[in-house]
Protein backbone atom coordinates (compact mmCIF):
# COMPACT_ATOMS: atom_id res chain seq x y z
CA MET A 1 23.21 10.18 -48.65
CA LYS A 2 23.36 13.41 -46.08
CA ARG A 3 19.54 14.30 -46.69
CA ILE A 4 18.97 10.56 -46.42
CA PHE A 5 20.30 9.89 -43.18
CA SER A 6 19.10 13.08 -41.79
CA ALA A 7 15.74 12.33 -43.01
CA ILE A 8 16.04 9.18 -40.91
CA LEU A 9 17.22 10.84 -37.46
CA VAL A 10 14.36 13.14 -37.80
CA CYS A 11 12.50 10.47 -38.34
CA ALA A 12 13.49 8.25 -34.74
CA VAL A 13 13.80 11.59 -33.08
CA LEU A 14 9.54 12.20 -34.12
CA LEU A 15 8.89 8.17 -33.43
CA SER A 16 10.83 8.40 -29.95
CA CYS A 17 8.42 11.14 -28.71
CA CYS A 18 5.36 9.75 -29.87
CA THR A 19 6.26 6.66 -28.30
CA SER A 20 7.52 7.71 -24.94
CA ALA A 21 4.35 9.20 -24.75
CA PHE A 22 1.92 6.54 -25.00
CA ALA A 23 4.28 4.75 -23.00
CA ALA A 24 3.22 7.42 -20.22
CA THR A 25 -0.59 7.31 -20.77
CA GLU A 26 -0.59 3.36 -20.77
CA SER A 27 1.23 2.93 -18.12
CA GLY A 28 -1.07 4.73 -15.57
CA GLU A 29 -0.06 7.83 -15.22
CA ARG A 30 -3.25 9.38 -16.75
CA VAL A 31 -4.79 11.74 -13.95
CA ALA A 32 -8.87 10.56 -13.67
CA ASN A 33 -11.42 13.28 -14.24
CA ILE A 34 -14.59 12.34 -12.03
CA LEU A 35 -14.56 15.13 -9.27
CA ASN A 36 -16.21 18.29 -10.63
CA VAL A 37 -16.89 19.80 -7.47
CA TYR A 38 -14.79 19.28 -4.36
CA THR A 39 -14.87 22.15 -1.46
CA ALA A 40 -14.70 21.87 2.65
CA SER A 41 -14.45 24.46 5.10
CA ALA A 42 -13.68 24.65 8.81
CA SER A 43 -16.42 26.50 11.21
CA THR A 44 -16.72 26.41 14.74
CA GLY A 45 -18.92 24.15 16.44
CA THR A 46 -22.11 24.08 18.84
CA LYS A 47 -20.87 22.25 21.80
CA SER A 48 -17.40 22.57 24.18
CA GLY A 49 -13.98 21.86 21.80
CA GLU A 50 -16.03 21.56 18.49
CA VAL A 51 -14.82 22.36 15.16
CA LYS A 52 -17.28 21.52 12.02
CA ILE A 53 -15.78 20.25 8.71
CA THR A 54 -18.04 20.41 6.17
CA TYR A 55 -17.33 18.80 2.60
CA ARG A 56 -19.18 18.54 -0.70
CA ALA A 57 -18.15 16.35 -4.11
CA GLY A 58 -19.83 16.38 -6.77
CA ALA A 59 -19.01 14.22 -9.93
CA ASN A 60 -19.82 13.50 -13.15
CA ARG A 61 -20.57 10.99 -13.41
CA LEU A 62 -22.10 8.44 -11.53
CA SER A 63 -19.60 7.03 -9.11
CA MET A 64 -19.40 3.48 -7.30
CA ALA A 65 -17.72 5.87 -3.74
CA ILE A 66 -17.77 9.40 -3.44
CA GLY A 67 -17.42 11.57 -0.36
CA VAL A 68 -14.67 12.29 2.37
CA ALA A 69 -11.52 9.63 1.80
CA SER A 70 -9.88 11.49 4.71
CA ILE A 71 -9.59 14.72 7.15
CA ALA A 72 -6.00 15.43 8.28
CA ILE A 73 -6.72 17.63 11.39
CA TYR A 74 -3.68 20.02 12.38
CA LYS A 75 -3.62 23.01 14.52
CA SER A 76 -3.24 26.68 12.98
CA ASP A 77 0.60 26.62 13.99
CA GLY A 78 0.84 23.79 11.28
CA SER A 79 1.29 20.66 14.33
CA TYR A 80 -0.41 17.32 12.93
CA VAL A 81 -3.32 16.47 15.10
CA THR A 82 -5.13 13.01 13.90
CA THR A 83 -6.68 11.72 10.70
CA ILE A 84 -10.44 10.68 10.27
CA LYS A 85 -10.59 7.81 7.31
CA GLY A 86 -14.02 8.34 5.29
CA THR A 87 -16.21 4.96 5.52
CA THR A 88 -19.72 4.52 5.27
CA ALA A 89 -20.26 3.71 9.01
CA ASN A 90 -19.48 7.17 9.69
CA GLY A 91 -21.12 8.95 7.09
CA LEU A 92 -18.38 10.70 4.76
CA ILE A 93 -18.58 7.98 1.97
CA SER A 94 -21.36 7.26 0.27
CA PHE A 95 -22.01 4.91 -3.24
CA ASN A 96 -23.69 5.36 -6.42
CA THR A 97 -24.22 8.14 -6.60
CA ASP A 98 -22.46 11.21 -8.45
CA GLN A 99 -23.29 14.04 -5.13
CA LYS A 100 -21.59 13.79 -1.99
CA SER A 101 -22.20 16.32 0.94
CA GLY A 102 -22.02 16.58 4.90
CA SER A 103 -20.01 17.17 7.78
CA TYR A 104 -18.09 15.71 10.43
CA THR A 105 -17.52 17.48 13.62
CA TYR A 106 -13.76 17.62 15.43
CA LYS A 107 -13.49 16.87 19.16
CA GLY A 108 -10.64 18.73 20.10
CA THR A 109 -9.17 21.36 22.38
CA SER A 110 -11.27 24.60 23.45
CA GLY A 111 -10.49 27.94 22.58
CA VAL A 112 -7.69 26.06 20.32
CA PHE A 113 -7.69 27.31 16.52
CA TYR A 114 -7.61 24.53 13.72
CA TYR A 115 -7.69 23.72 10.42
CA ALA A 116 -8.23 20.38 8.12
CA ILE A 117 -6.51 18.51 4.80
CA VAL A 118 -10.18 17.22 3.24
CA THR A 119 -9.23 14.61 0.82
CA ILE A 120 -12.28 13.80 -1.51
CA THR A 121 -12.68 11.33 -3.55
CA ALA A 122 -14.93 9.69 -6.32
CA THR A 123 -14.30 6.13 -7.86
CA SER A 124 -15.96 5.06 -11.42
CA GLY A 125 -15.34 1.79 -12.72
CA SER A 126 -11.22 1.52 -13.22
CA GLU A 127 -10.64 5.07 -12.53
CA THR A 128 -10.18 7.19 -9.00
CA ASP A 129 -9.66 10.88 -8.76
CA ASN A 130 -8.75 12.44 -5.62
CA LYS A 131 -8.10 16.25 -4.70
CA ALA A 132 -6.95 17.46 -1.56
CA VAL A 133 -8.84 20.43 -0.42
CA ARG A 134 -7.15 22.84 3.00
CA THR A 135 -10.62 24.69 4.91
CA ASN A 136 -9.69 27.66 6.61
CA ILE A 137 -8.42 28.29 10.21
CA ALA A 138 -11.77 28.03 12.80
CA GLN A 139 -11.64 27.88 16.52
CA ALA A 140 -12.71 25.15 18.70
CA LYS A 141 -15.58 26.11 20.92
């Protein structure tokens, strides 16, 4: 009787573990794995007060939308300045491709040091993959 009870208890524990693992993947906790290239860097711009944010996004499959979802600008001391949302109008998002690269020029205060948190995104089907990249610090010209 003890062996039967022990066997039932072991089966119940194993079934419980398998069920919770299955539920986690079905509830949307699975991470999309679309982006295989996501880089960003900052450099001094060409005009007074400018910082140039350069980015590159690459997907492992054709994406409905790919590029930069947002660029959050910070001063080098960590204080938040502003966020630029990516759109097709400002050239940060492209459609129906697997690659997107380019730059965005932020107009700040001359002589101030800035960095950015660039959120690179790709959407394929019903999945979206976002990666946040912190740039180096660059001085506005």
